[in-house]
Amino acid sequence: MKKKIDRLIKDWEKRNISGIYLENKERAREKMLELIPRSATIGISGSVTLDELEIVKLLEERGNKIFNQYKAANREESLEIRRQGILADFYLASANAISETGELVFFSAFGSRTAGVAIAKNAIIICGINKITPNLEEALARARNLATPLNCKRLNWQSPCFKDGACHKEICLFPEYKRMCCQVLIIEAEVALDRLRVILVGESLGF
């Protein structure tokens, strides 16, 4: 696994993506608190990984302004907070899957996740090693057939995969179903140096 991760981080360097490997989530939390200034504003993606790290709580406790859509009173307010979060100093998210060939895969329902990762001033992507797949095809399959059904179950999202855990994208359409994987973002490279950082954690985190 170490050789695989070393190759992946070196490949990211060629893609202008900054990658780092840390052994556990405690070290990952410390690194994120080090990278993000206390004065920074922060947008967040919905993420089991971020929840498991408890990083949003720690950032709030030390005084960072968090655009937290999950504290909104209604859907309209939630969507507006998501838009504001995209324009924050930092955007935090986790990928649905990572390919050993270097691609990062993100699925999104509302588009704030894909937009934040793609255009935020600074994006920090944090993932457990459980999300690494051999190639892009399998990364997309992981996102569609594993991560999305589990997220639909977690959020009680009434899509076909909520029922049986399998993707049925050919029938997962409105108004019969509430589709979650509406947008797909594949990051192959980055233009701006140090804008996009990936923290790989040597544990299983998230879906």
N, C-alpha and C. Protein backbone atom coordinates (compact mmCIF):
# COMPACT_ATOMS: atom_id res chain seq x y z
N MET A 1 0.83 -1.21 0.00
CA MET A 1 0.00 0.00 0.00
C MET A 1 0.86 1.26 0.00
N LYS A 2 1.97 1.26 0.75
CA LYS A 2 2.83 2.44 0.82
C LYS A 2 3.37 2.82 -0.57
N LYS A 3 3.83 1.82 -1.34
CA LYS A 3 4.34 2.10 -2.68
C LYS A 3 3.24 2.67 -3.58
N LYS A 4 2.03 2.14 -3.43
CA LYS A 4 0.89 2.61 -4.21
C LYS A 4 0.59 4.07 -3.89
N ILE A 5 0.60 4.41 -2.61
CA ILE A 5 0.33 5.78 -2.19
C ILE A 5 1.44 6.72 -2.63
N ASP A 6 2.69 6.28 -2.51
CA ASP A 6 3.82 7.10 -2.96
C ASP A 6 3.71 7.42 -4.45
N ARG A 7 3.34 6.41 -5.25
CA ARG A 7 3.17 6.62 -6.70
C ARG A 7 2.04 7.60 -6.98
N LEU A 8 0.96 7.46 -6.22
CA LEU A 8 -0.20 8.33 -6.41
C LEU A 8 0.15 9.79 -6.10
N ILE A 9 0.85 10.02 -5.01
CA ILE A 9 1.23 11.39 -4.63
C ILE A 9 2.19 11.99 -5.65
N LYS A 10 3.11 11.18 -6.17
CA LYS A 10 4.04 11.66 -7.21
C LYS A 10 3.27 11.99 -8.50
N ASP A 11 2.28 11.17 -8.80
CA ASP A 11 1.47 11.44 -10.00
C ASP A 11 0.67 12.72 -9.83
N TRP A 12 0.16 12.96 -8.63
CA TRP A 12 -0.57 14.21 -8.37
C TRP A 12 0.33 15.43 -8.57
N GLU A 13 1.59 15.30 -8.20
CA GLU A 13 2.52 16.42 -8.39
C GLU A 13 2.57 16.83 -9.85
N LYS A 14 2.56 15.86 -10.75
CA LYS A 14 2.59 16.14 -12.19
C LYS A 14 1.27 16.77 -12.65
N ARG A 15 0.22 16.55 -11.88
CA ARG A 15 -1.09 17.09 -12.22
C ARG A 15 -1.37 18.41 -11.49
N ASN A 16 -0.36 18.93 -10.77
CA ASN A 16 -0.48 20.17 -10.01
C ASN A 16 -1.45 20.03 -8.84
N ILE A 17 -1.55 18.83 -8.32
CA ILE A 17 -2.37 18.56 -7.13
C ILE A 17 -1.42 18.22 -5.99
N SER A 18 -1.58 18.90 -4.87
CA SER A 18 -0.72 18.67 -3.71
C SER A 18 -1.30 17.54 -2.86
N GLY A 19 -0.53 16.46 -2.70
CA GLY A 19 -1.00 15.32 -1.92
C GLY A 19 -0.11 15.03 -0.73
N ILE A 20 -0.74 14.58 0.36
CA ILE A 20 0.00 14.20 1.56
C ILE A 20 -0.66 12.97 2.18
N TYR A 21 0.15 12.09 2.74
CA TYR A 21 -0.38 10.91 3.41
C TYR A 21 -0.13 11.03 4.90
N LEU A 22 -1.17 10.78 5.70
CA LEU A 22 -1.06 10.79 7.15
C LEU A 22 -1.65 9.50 7.70
N GLU A 23 -1.07 8.99 8.77
CA GLU A 23 -1.38 7.65 9.24
C GLU A 23 -2.79 7.48 9.80
N ASN A 24 -3.31 8.52 10.43
CA ASN A 24 -4.61 8.36 11.09
C ASN A 24 -5.37 9.68 11.11
N LYS A 25 -6.63 9.62 11.54
CA LYS A 25 -7.46 10.82 11.47
C LYS A 25 -7.03 11.88 12.49
N GLU A 26 -6.36 11.48 13.57
CA GLU A 26 -5.86 12.47 14.52
C GLU A 26 -4.82 13.37 13.85
N ARG A 27 -3.89 12.74 13.13
CA ARG A 27 -2.88 13.51 12.40
C ARG A 27 -3.52 14.36 11.31
N ALA A 28 -4.55 13.80 10.68
CA ALA A 28 -5.24 14.54 9.62
C ALA A 28 -5.92 15.79 10.18
N ARG A 29 -6.56 15.68 11.34
CA ARG A 29 -7.18 16.84 11.98
C ARG A 29 -6.13 17.91 12.28
N GLU A 30 -5.00 17.49 12.83
CA GLU A 30 -3.93 18.43 13.15
C GLU A 30 -3.45 19.16 11.90
N LYS A 31 -3.32 18.41 10.79
CA LYS A 31 -2.83 19.02 9.55
C LYS A 31 -3.83 20.03 9.00
N MET A 32 -5.11 19.71 9.06
CA MET A 32 -6.13 20.63 8.56
C MET A 32 -6.16 21.91 9.39
N LEU A 33 -6.02 21.78 10.70
CA LEU A 33 -6.00 22.96 11.56
C LEU A 33 -4.75 23.80 11.30
N GLU A 34 -3.70 23.14 10.87
CA GLU A 34 -2.45 23.85 10.52
C GLU A 34 -2.59 24.58 9.19
N LEU A 35 -3.24 23.95 8.22
CA LEU A 35 -3.37 24.53 6.88
C LEU A 35 -4.35 25.69 6.82
N ILE A 36 -5.38 25.66 7.67
CA ILE A 36 -6.45 26.65 7.60
C ILE A 36 -6.24 27.73 8.66
N PRO A 37 -6.03 28.97 8.27
CA PRO A 37 -5.86 30.05 9.25
C PRO A 37 -7.12 30.25 10.08
N ARG A 38 -6.94 30.75 11.30
CA ARG A 38 -8.08 31.00 12.18
C ARG A 38 -9.02 32.06 11.61
N SER A 39 -8.49 32.92 10.76
CA SER A 39 -9.29 34.00 10.20
C SER A 39 -10.07 33.58 8.95
N ALA A 40 -9.84 32.37 8.45
CA ALA A 40 -10.42 31.94 7.18
C ALA A 40 -11.90 31.60 7.31
N THR A 41 -12.64 31.92 6.25
CA THR A 41 -14.02 31.45 6.13
C THR A 41 -14.00 30.10 5.41
N ILE A 42 -15.00 29.26 5.71
CA ILE A 42 -14.95 27.88 5.24
C ILE A 42 -16.31 27.41 4.74
N GLY A 43 -16.32 26.85 3.54
CA GLY A 43 -17.48 26.16 3.02
C GLY A 43 -17.28 24.66 3.16
N ILE A 44 -18.37 23.93 3.31
CA ILE A 44 -18.25 22.48 3.52
C ILE A 44 -19.21 21.72 2.61
N SER A 45 -18.77 20.55 2.23
CA SER A 45 -19.62 19.60 1.53
C SER A 45 -20.21 18.64 2.54
N GLY A 46 -21.39 18.13 2.25
CA GLY A 46 -21.92 17.04 3.06
C GLY A 46 -20.98 15.86 2.96
N SER A 47 -20.54 15.32 4.11
CA SER A 47 -19.51 14.30 4.07
C SER A 47 -19.47 13.51 5.36
N VAL A 48 -19.60 12.20 5.26
CA VAL A 48 -19.44 11.34 6.42
C VAL A 48 -18.00 11.42 6.93
N THR A 49 -17.05 11.54 6.00
CA THR A 49 -15.64 11.65 6.38
C THR A 49 -15.40 12.88 7.26
N LEU A 50 -15.92 14.03 6.86
CA LEU A 50 -15.78 15.23 7.67
C LEU A 50 -16.46 15.06 9.03
N ASP A 51 -17.61 14.38 9.05
CA ASP A 51 -18.30 14.12 10.31
C ASP A 51 -17.44 13.24 11.22
N GLU A 52 -16.84 12.21 10.66
CA GLU A 52 -16.02 11.31 11.47
C GLU A 52 -14.78 12.01 12.02
N LEU A 53 -14.26 12.95 11.26
CA LEU A 53 -13.09 13.72 11.72
C LEU A 53 -13.47 14.77 12.75
N GLU A 54 -14.73 15.16 12.79
CA GLU A 54 -15.22 16.22 13.70
C GLU A 54 -14.48 17.54 13.47
N ILE A 55 -14.01 17.73 12.25
CA ILE A 55 -13.19 18.90 11.96
C ILE A 55 -14.02 20.18 11.91
N VAL A 56 -15.27 20.11 11.47
CA VAL A 56 -16.11 21.31 11.40
C VAL A 56 -16.33 21.86 12.80
N LYS A 57 -16.61 20.98 13.75
CA LYS A 57 -16.81 21.39 15.14
C LYS A 57 -15.55 22.06 15.69
N LEU A 58 -14.40 21.47 15.42
CA LEU A 58 -13.14 22.02 15.92
C LEU A 58 -12.85 23.40 15.33
N LEU A 59 -13.12 23.55 14.05
CA LEU A 59 -12.90 24.85 13.39
C LEU A 59 -13.84 25.91 13.94
N GLU A 60 -15.10 25.53 14.17
CA GLU A 60 -16.06 26.47 14.74
C GLU A 60 -15.64 26.89 16.15
N GLU A 61 -15.18 25.92 16.94
CA GLU A 61 -14.80 26.19 18.33
C GLU A 61 -13.61 27.16 18.42
N ARG A 62 -12.74 27.12 17.43
CA ARG A 62 -11.59 28.03 17.49
C ARG A 62 -11.87 29.38 16.83
N GLY A 63 -13.06 29.53 16.27
CA GLY A 63 -13.47 30.84 15.78
C GLY A 63 -13.61 31.01 14.29
N ASN A 64 -13.39 29.97 13.50
CA ASN A 64 -13.57 30.09 12.05
C ASN A 64 -15.05 30.26 11.71
N LYS A 65 -15.31 31.06 10.68
CA LYS A 65 -16.67 31.23 10.16
C LYS A 65 -16.96 30.09 9.20
N ILE A 66 -17.95 29.25 9.54
CA ILE A 66 -18.32 28.10 8.72
C ILE A 66 -19.66 28.38 8.04
N PHE A 67 -19.70 28.24 6.74
CA PHE A 67 -20.98 28.31 6.02
C PHE A 67 -21.59 26.91 6.07
N ASN A 68 -22.38 26.67 7.10
CA ASN A 68 -22.89 25.33 7.38
C ASN A 68 -24.36 25.23 6.97
N GLN A 69 -24.59 24.65 5.82
CA GLN A 69 -25.94 24.52 5.28
C GLN A 69 -26.85 23.65 6.13
N TYR A 70 -26.25 22.84 7.00
CA TYR A 70 -27.05 21.92 7.81
C TYR A 70 -27.64 22.60 9.05
N LYS A 71 -27.34 23.88 9.22
CA LYS A 71 -27.95 24.66 10.30
C LYS A 71 -29.03 25.59 9.76
N ALA A 72 -29.36 25.44 8.50
CA ALA A 72 -30.36 26.30 7.87
C ALA A 72 -31.76 25.95 8.36
N ALA A 73 -32.64 26.95 8.32
CA ALA A 73 -34.02 26.76 8.77
C ALA A 73 -34.89 26.11 7.70
N ASN A 74 -34.51 26.26 6.42
CA ASN A 74 -35.32 25.71 5.34
C ASN A 74 -34.45 25.47 4.10
N ARG A 75 -35.03 24.90 3.06
CA ARG A 75 -34.29 24.53 1.86
C ARG A 75 -33.70 25.75 1.17
N GLU A 76 -34.46 26.84 1.07
CA GLU A 76 -33.97 28.04 0.39
C GLU A 76 -32.74 28.60 1.10
N GLU A 77 -32.79 28.64 2.42
CA GLU A 77 -31.64 29.14 3.19
C GLU A 77 -30.44 28.21 3.04
N SER A 78 -30.70 26.91 3.02
CA SER A 78 -29.63 25.93 2.86
C SER A 78 -28.91 26.12 1.53
N LEU A 79 -29.68 26.33 0.46
CA LEU A 79 -29.08 26.52 -0.86
C LEU A 79 -28.25 27.80 -0.91
N GLU A 80 -28.74 28.86 -0.27
CA GLU A 80 -28.00 30.12 -0.26
C GLU A 80 -26.69 29.97 0.52
N ILE A 81 -26.72 29.25 1.63
CA ILE A 81 -25.49 29.03 2.40
C ILE A 81 -24.50 28.20 1.58
N ARG A 82 -24.99 27.23 0.83
CA ARG A 82 -24.10 26.44 -0.04
C ARG A 82 -23.40 27.35 -1.06
N ARG A 83 -24.15 28.28 -1.63
CA ARG A 83 -23.56 29.21 -2.61
C ARG A 83 -22.49 30.08 -1.95
N GLN A 84 -22.77 30.55 -0.75
CA GLN A 84 -21.79 31.36 -0.04
C GLN A 84 -20.54 30.55 0.29
N GLY A 85 -20.73 29.28 0.64
CA GLY A 85 -19.61 28.41 0.99
C GLY A 85 -18.65 28.19 -0.16
N ILE A 86 -19.17 28.17 -1.38
CA ILE A 86 -18.31 28.00 -2.56
C ILE A 86 -17.32 29.16 -2.68
N LEU A 87 -17.72 30.34 -2.22
CA LEU A 87 -16.90 31.54 -2.34
C LEU A 87 -16.06 31.81 -1.08
N ALA A 88 -16.07 30.89 -0.14
CA ALA A 88 -15.30 31.06 1.09
C ALA A 88 -13.79 30.92 0.81
N ASP A 89 -12.99 31.22 1.82
CA ASP A 89 -11.53 31.12 1.67
C ASP A 89 -11.08 29.68 1.45
N PHE A 90 -11.77 28.74 2.10
CA PHE A 90 -11.45 27.32 1.98
C PHE A 90 -12.74 26.53 1.77
N TYR A 91 -12.62 25.44 1.01
CA TYR A 91 -13.75 24.52 0.83
C TYR A 91 -13.28 23.12 1.19
N LEU A 92 -14.04 22.45 2.05
CA LEU A 92 -13.67 21.12 2.54
C LEU A 92 -14.63 20.07 1.99
N ALA A 93 -14.08 18.97 1.51
CA ALA A 93 -14.91 17.90 0.95
C ALA A 93 -14.12 16.60 0.98
N SER A 94 -14.83 15.52 0.67
CA SER A 94 -14.19 14.23 0.46
C SER A 94 -14.61 13.72 -0.91
N ALA A 95 -13.73 13.01 -1.57
CA ALA A 95 -14.07 12.41 -2.87
C ALA A 95 -14.89 11.14 -2.65
N ASN A 96 -15.70 10.80 -3.64
CA ASN A 96 -16.39 9.51 -3.61
C ASN A 96 -15.44 8.37 -3.94
N ALA A 97 -14.42 8.68 -4.74
CA ALA A 97 -13.45 7.66 -5.12
C ALA A 97 -12.19 8.33 -5.67
N ILE A 98 -11.07 7.62 -5.54
CA ILE A 98 -9.78 8.07 -6.06
C ILE A 98 -9.21 6.95 -6.92
N SER A 99 -8.78 7.29 -8.11
CA SER A 99 -8.14 6.31 -8.98
C SER A 99 -6.64 6.27 -8.73
N GLU A 100 -6.07 5.10 -8.78
CA GLU A 100 -4.61 4.97 -8.65
C GLU A 100 -3.89 5.73 -9.76
N THR A 101 -4.59 6.00 -10.85
CA THR A 101 -3.99 6.76 -11.95
C THR A 101 -4.10 8.26 -11.74
N GLY A 102 -4.68 8.70 -10.61
CA GLY A 102 -4.64 10.10 -10.23
C GLY A 102 -5.93 10.88 -10.26
N GLU A 103 -6.99 10.34 -10.86
CA GLU A 103 -8.24 11.08 -10.96
C GLU A 103 -9.02 11.06 -9.63
N LEU A 104 -9.71 12.16 -9.37
CA LEU A 104 -10.59 12.27 -8.20
C LEU A 104 -12.03 12.36 -8.71
N VAL A 105 -12.93 11.59 -8.13
CA VAL A 105 -14.32 11.51 -8.59
C VAL A 105 -15.26 12.04 -7.50
N PHE A 106 -16.15 12.95 -7.92
CA PHE A 106 -17.14 13.53 -7.01
C PHE A 106 -18.52 13.46 -7.65
N PHE A 107 -19.51 13.01 -6.90
CA PHE A 107 -20.91 13.07 -7.33
C PHE A 107 -21.60 14.13 -6.48
N SER A 108 -22.61 14.79 -7.05
CA SER A 108 -23.31 15.84 -6.32
C SER A 108 -24.77 15.89 -6.72
N ALA A 109 -25.62 16.25 -5.77
CA ALA A 109 -27.04 16.43 -6.05
C ALA A 109 -27.35 17.87 -6.42
N PHE A 110 -26.92 18.81 -5.58
CA PHE A 110 -27.27 20.22 -5.78
C PHE A 110 -26.22 20.98 -6.58
N GLY A 111 -25.02 20.43 -6.72
CA GLY A 111 -23.98 21.09 -7.49
C GLY A 111 -23.01 21.91 -6.68
N SER A 112 -23.32 22.17 -5.42
CA SER A 112 -22.42 22.96 -4.59
C SER A 112 -21.12 22.21 -4.33
N ARG A 113 -21.19 20.92 -4.20
CA ARG A 113 -19.99 20.12 -3.94
C ARG A 113 -19.03 20.14 -5.13
N THR A 114 -19.57 19.89 -6.31
CA THR A 114 -18.72 19.89 -7.50
C THR A 114 -18.20 21.30 -7.78
N ALA A 115 -19.04 22.31 -7.56
CA ALA A 115 -18.60 23.69 -7.79
C ALA A 115 -17.52 24.10 -6.80
N GLY A 116 -17.72 23.77 -5.53
CA GLY A 116 -16.74 24.13 -4.52
C GLY A 116 -15.38 23.50 -4.77
N VAL A 117 -15.39 22.23 -5.09
CA VAL A 117 -14.13 21.53 -5.36
C VAL A 117 -13.45 22.13 -6.59
N ALA A 118 -14.24 22.50 -7.58
CA ALA A 118 -13.67 22.96 -8.86
C ALA A 118 -13.15 24.38 -8.82
N ILE A 119 -13.81 25.29 -8.07
CA ILE A 119 -13.45 26.71 -8.21
C ILE A 119 -13.13 27.43 -6.92
N ALA A 120 -13.25 26.80 -5.76
CA ALA A 120 -12.95 27.50 -4.51
C ALA A 120 -11.51 28.01 -4.50
N LYS A 121 -11.26 29.08 -3.76
CA LYS A 121 -9.90 29.62 -3.66
C LYS A 121 -8.91 28.55 -3.20
N ASN A 122 -9.32 27.81 -2.19
CA ASN A 122 -8.52 26.70 -1.65
C ASN A 122 -9.44 25.54 -1.35
N ALA A 123 -9.17 24.40 -1.94
CA ALA A 123 -9.98 23.20 -1.70
C ALA A 123 -9.11 22.15 -1.02
N ILE A 124 -9.62 21.62 0.09
CA ILE A 124 -8.93 20.52 0.78
C ILE A 124 -9.83 19.30 0.71
N ILE A 125 -9.33 18.25 0.08
CA ILE A 125 -10.05 17.00 -0.08
C ILE A 125 -9.42 15.98 0.86
N ILE A 126 -10.22 15.39 1.74
CA ILE A 126 -9.69 14.43 2.68
C ILE A 126 -10.39 13.10 2.50
N CYS A 127 -9.60 12.03 2.38
CA CYS A 127 -10.15 10.71 2.06
C CYS A 127 -9.41 9.61 2.81
N GLY A 128 -10.14 8.60 3.21
CA GLY A 128 -9.52 7.39 3.72
C GLY A 128 -9.01 6.54 2.57
N ILE A 129 -8.09 5.64 2.87
CA ILE A 129 -7.52 4.80 1.81
C ILE A 129 -8.52 3.81 1.25
N ASN A 130 -9.66 3.66 1.92
CA ASN A 130 -10.71 2.78 1.40
C ASN A 130 -11.30 3.28 0.09
N LYS A 131 -11.06 4.53 -0.25
CA LYS A 131 -11.64 5.10 -1.46
C LYS A 131 -10.74 4.96 -2.69
N ILE A 132 -9.58 4.36 -2.53
CA ILE A 132 -8.67 4.19 -3.66
C ILE A 132 -9.11 2.99 -4.51
N THR A 133 -9.16 3.20 -5.82
CA THR A 133 -9.53 2.14 -6.77
C THR A 133 -8.45 2.03 -7.84
N PRO A 134 -8.39 0.91 -8.56
CA PRO A 134 -7.32 0.70 -9.54
C PRO A 134 -7.30 1.67 -10.71
N ASN A 135 -8.47 2.12 -11.16
CA ASN A 135 -8.52 2.96 -12.36
C ASN A 135 -9.76 3.84 -12.33
N LEU A 136 -9.90 4.72 -13.31
CA LEU A 136 -11.01 5.66 -13.34
C LEU A 136 -12.35 4.93 -13.49
N GLU A 137 -12.40 3.92 -14.32
CA GLU A 137 -13.65 3.19 -14.51
C GLU A 137 -14.16 2.63 -13.18
N GLU A 138 -13.26 2.04 -12.40
CA GLU A 138 -13.68 1.48 -11.12
C GLU A 138 -13.97 2.57 -10.09
N ALA A 139 -13.31 3.72 -10.23
CA ALA A 139 -13.61 4.85 -9.35
C ALA A 139 -15.04 5.33 -9.57
N LEU A 140 -15.43 5.46 -10.82
CA LEU A 140 -16.80 5.85 -11.14
C LEU A 140 -17.80 4.80 -10.66
N ALA A 141 -17.45 3.52 -10.82
CA ALA A 141 -18.33 2.45 -10.36
C ALA A 141 -18.47 2.48 -8.85
N ARG A 142 -17.38 2.77 -8.14
CA ARG A 142 -17.45 2.86 -6.68
C ARG A 142 -18.38 3.99 -6.25
N ALA A 143 -18.23 5.14 -6.90
CA ALA A 143 -19.07 6.29 -6.56
C ALA A 143 -20.54 5.99 -6.82
N ARG A 144 -20.82 5.32 -7.93
CA ARG A 144 -22.20 5.09 -8.32
C ARG A 144 -22.84 3.91 -7.59
N ASN A 145 -22.08 2.85 -7.37
CA ASN A 145 -22.67 1.61 -6.86
C ASN A 145 -22.44 1.37 -5.38
N LEU A 146 -21.54 2.12 -4.77
CA LEU A 146 -21.29 1.95 -3.34
C LEU A 146 -21.60 3.22 -2.56
N ALA A 147 -20.91 4.30 -2.88
CA ALA A 147 -21.06 5.53 -2.10
C ALA A 147 -22.47 6.11 -2.20
N THR A 148 -23.00 6.22 -3.41
CA THR A 148 -24.32 6.85 -3.57
C THR A 148 -25.43 6.05 -2.90
N PRO A 149 -25.54 4.72 -3.09
CA PRO A 149 -26.59 3.99 -2.37
C PRO A 149 -26.49 4.13 -0.85
N LEU A 150 -25.28 4.11 -0.30
CA LEU A 150 -25.12 4.26 1.14
C LEU A 150 -25.53 5.65 1.61
N ASN A 151 -25.22 6.67 0.82
CA ASN A 151 -25.64 8.02 1.16
C ASN A 151 -27.16 8.18 1.04
N CYS A 152 -27.75 7.54 0.05
CA CYS A 152 -29.21 7.59 -0.07
C CYS A 152 -29.89 6.96 1.14
N LYS A 153 -29.35 5.85 1.62
CA LYS A 153 -29.90 5.21 2.82
C LYS A 153 -29.70 6.10 4.04
N ARG A 154 -28.52 6.71 4.14
CA ARG A 154 -28.22 7.57 5.28
C ARG A 154 -29.17 8.77 5.34
N LEU A 155 -29.51 9.32 4.19
CA LEU A 155 -30.31 10.54 4.12
C LEU A 155 -31.78 10.27 3.79
N ASN A 156 -32.15 8.99 3.71
CA ASN A 156 -33.52 8.61 3.37
C ASN A 156 -33.95 9.24 2.05
N TRP A 157 -33.06 9.17 1.07
CA TRP A 157 -33.24 9.78 -0.24
C TRP A 157 -33.92 8.75 -1.15
N GLN A 158 -35.12 9.06 -1.60
CA GLN A 158 -35.94 8.05 -2.28
C GLN A 158 -35.56 7.87 -3.75
N SER A 159 -34.45 7.22 -3.96
CA SER A 159 -33.98 6.84 -5.30
C SER A 159 -34.08 5.32 -5.44
N PRO A 160 -33.96 4.78 -6.65
CA PRO A 160 -34.02 3.33 -6.80
C PRO A 160 -32.94 2.60 -6.00
N CYS A 161 -31.74 3.18 -5.90
CA CYS A 161 -30.68 2.50 -5.17
C CYS A 161 -30.93 2.48 -3.67
N PHE A 162 -31.81 3.35 -3.18
CA PHE A 162 -32.20 3.32 -1.78
C PHE A 162 -32.87 1.98 -1.44
N LYS A 163 -33.58 1.43 -2.44
CA LYS A 163 -34.34 0.21 -2.20
C LYS A 163 -33.48 -1.05 -2.19
N ASP A 164 -32.53 -1.14 -3.15
CA ASP A 164 -31.78 -2.41 -3.26
C ASP A 164 -30.26 -2.24 -3.27
N GLY A 165 -29.78 -1.00 -3.14
CA GLY A 165 -28.34 -0.79 -3.07
C GLY A 165 -27.62 -0.88 -4.40
N ALA A 166 -28.38 -0.94 -5.50
CA ALA A 166 -27.77 -1.02 -6.83
C ALA A 166 -28.18 0.19 -7.66
N CYS A 167 -27.26 0.66 -8.51
CA CYS A 167 -27.54 1.81 -9.35
C CYS A 167 -28.51 1.44 -10.49
N HIS A 168 -29.51 2.30 -10.69
CA HIS A 168 -30.46 2.15 -11.80
C HIS A 168 -30.58 3.50 -12.51
N LYS A 169 -29.46 4.00 -13.01
CA LYS A 169 -29.46 5.36 -13.55
C LYS A 169 -30.40 5.53 -14.74
N GLU A 170 -30.72 4.43 -15.44
CA GLU A 170 -31.58 4.54 -16.61
C GLU A 170 -33.02 4.86 -16.23
N ILE A 171 -33.44 4.55 -15.00
CA ILE A 171 -34.80 4.87 -14.56
C ILE A 171 -34.82 5.88 -13.42
N CYS A 172 -33.65 6.26 -12.93
CA CYS A 172 -33.56 7.18 -11.79
C CYS A 172 -33.75 8.62 -12.28
N LEU A 173 -35.01 8.94 -12.58
CA LEU A 173 -35.35 10.23 -13.19
C LEU A 173 -36.57 10.81 -12.49
N PHE A 174 -36.72 12.12 -12.58
CA PHE A 174 -37.83 12.83 -11.97
C PHE A 174 -39.06 12.71 -12.88
N PRO A 175 -40.28 12.73 -12.34
CA PRO A 175 -40.63 12.90 -10.93
C PRO A 175 -40.77 11.61 -10.16
N GLU A 176 -40.57 10.46 -10.84
CA GLU A 176 -40.78 9.18 -10.13
C GLU A 176 -39.81 9.00 -8.97
N TYR A 177 -38.58 9.44 -9.17
CA TYR A 177 -37.57 9.25 -8.14
C TYR A 177 -36.85 10.56 -7.85
N LYS A 178 -36.22 10.61 -6.69
CA LYS A 178 -35.40 11.74 -6.29
C LYS A 178 -33.94 11.34 -6.51
N ARG A 179 -33.37 11.79 -7.60
CA ARG A 179 -32.02 11.38 -7.97
C ARG A 179 -30.97 12.14 -7.18
N MET A 180 -29.96 11.43 -6.68
CA MET A 180 -28.88 12.07 -5.93
C MET A 180 -27.68 12.39 -6.83
N CYS A 181 -27.27 11.45 -7.68
CA CYS A 181 -26.07 11.68 -8.50
C CYS A 181 -26.46 12.45 -9.77
N CYS A 182 -26.72 13.74 -9.58
CA CYS A 182 -27.13 14.60 -10.70
C CYS A 182 -25.94 15.16 -11.46
N GLN A 183 -24.83 15.38 -10.75
CA GLN A 183 -23.64 15.94 -11.37
C GLN A 183 -22.44 15.07 -11.04
N VAL A 184 -21.55 14.93 -12.01
CA VAL A 184 -20.33 14.15 -11.84
C VAL A 184 -19.14 15.04 -12.18
N LEU A 185 -18.19 15.12 -11.26
CA LEU A 185 -16.96 15.88 -11.50
C LEU A 185 -15.77 14.93 -11.43
N ILE A 186 -14.95 14.95 -12.47
CA ILE A 186 -13.70 14.19 -12.48
C ILE A 186 -12.55 15.19 -12.53
N ILE A 187 -11.77 15.25 -11.48
CA ILE A 187 -10.59 16.11 -11.46
C ILE A 187 -9.41 15.32 -12.01
N GLU A 188 -8.89 15.76 -13.14
CA GLU A 188 -7.72 15.11 -13.74
C GLU A 188 -6.44 15.87 -13.46
N ALA A 189 -6.55 17.19 -13.28
CA ALA A 189 -5.39 18.03 -13.02
C ALA A 189 -5.89 19.37 -12.53
N GLU A 190 -4.95 20.23 -12.13
CA GLU A 190 -5.28 21.55 -11.59
C GLU A 190 -4.31 22.57 -12.17
N VAL A 191 -4.83 23.75 -12.53
CA VAL A 191 -3.98 24.80 -13.10
C VAL A 191 -3.25 25.57 -12.01
N ALA A 192 -3.98 26.01 -10.99
CA ALA A 192 -3.41 26.88 -9.95
C ALA A 192 -2.60 26.07 -8.93
N LEU A 193 -1.35 26.42 -8.79
CA LEU A 193 -0.47 25.73 -7.85
C LEU A 193 -0.99 25.89 -6.42
N ASP A 194 -1.07 24.77 -5.69
CA ASP A 194 -1.45 24.72 -4.28
C ASP A 194 -2.92 25.07 -4.02
N ARG A 195 -3.73 25.23 -5.06
CA ARG A 195 -5.16 25.47 -4.81
C ARG A 195 -5.85 24.21 -4.30
N LEU A 196 -5.49 23.08 -4.89
CA LEU A 196 -6.15 21.81 -4.57
C LEU A 196 -5.21 20.89 -3.81
N ARG A 197 -5.60 20.56 -2.58
CA ARG A 197 -4.80 19.67 -1.74
C ARG A 197 -5.61 18.43 -1.38
N VAL A 198 -4.94 17.29 -1.38
CA VAL A 198 -5.57 16.04 -1.00
C VAL A 198 -4.83 15.46 0.20
N ILE A 199 -5.58 15.15 1.25
CA ILE A 199 -5.03 14.49 2.41
C ILE A 199 -5.54 13.06 2.41
N LEU A 200 -4.62 12.12 2.23
CA LEU A 200 -4.96 10.70 2.31
C LEU A 200 -4.70 10.20 3.73
N VAL A 201 -5.67 9.50 4.29
CA VAL A 201 -5.56 9.01 5.66
C VAL A 201 -5.50 7.48 5.64
N GLY A 202 -4.56 6.94 6.39
CA GLY A 202 -4.34 5.50 6.40
C GLY A 202 -5.37 4.72 7.20
N GLU A 203 -6.62 5.10 7.08
CA GLU A 203 -7.75 4.44 7.75
C GLU A 203 -8.93 4.41 6.80
N SER A 204 -9.94 3.65 7.15
CA SER A 204 -11.19 3.66 6.41
C SER A 204 -12.06 4.79 6.94
N LEU A 205 -12.42 5.72 6.05
CA LEU A 205 -13.24 6.86 6.45
C LEU A 205 -14.36 7.05 5.44
N GLY A 206 -15.56 7.28 5.93
CA GLY A 206 -16.67 7.57 5.04
C GLY A 206 -17.05 6.39 4.17
N PHE A 207 -17.85 6.69 3.13
CA PHE A 207 -18.36 5.65 2.23
C PHE A 207 -17.50 5.59 0.97
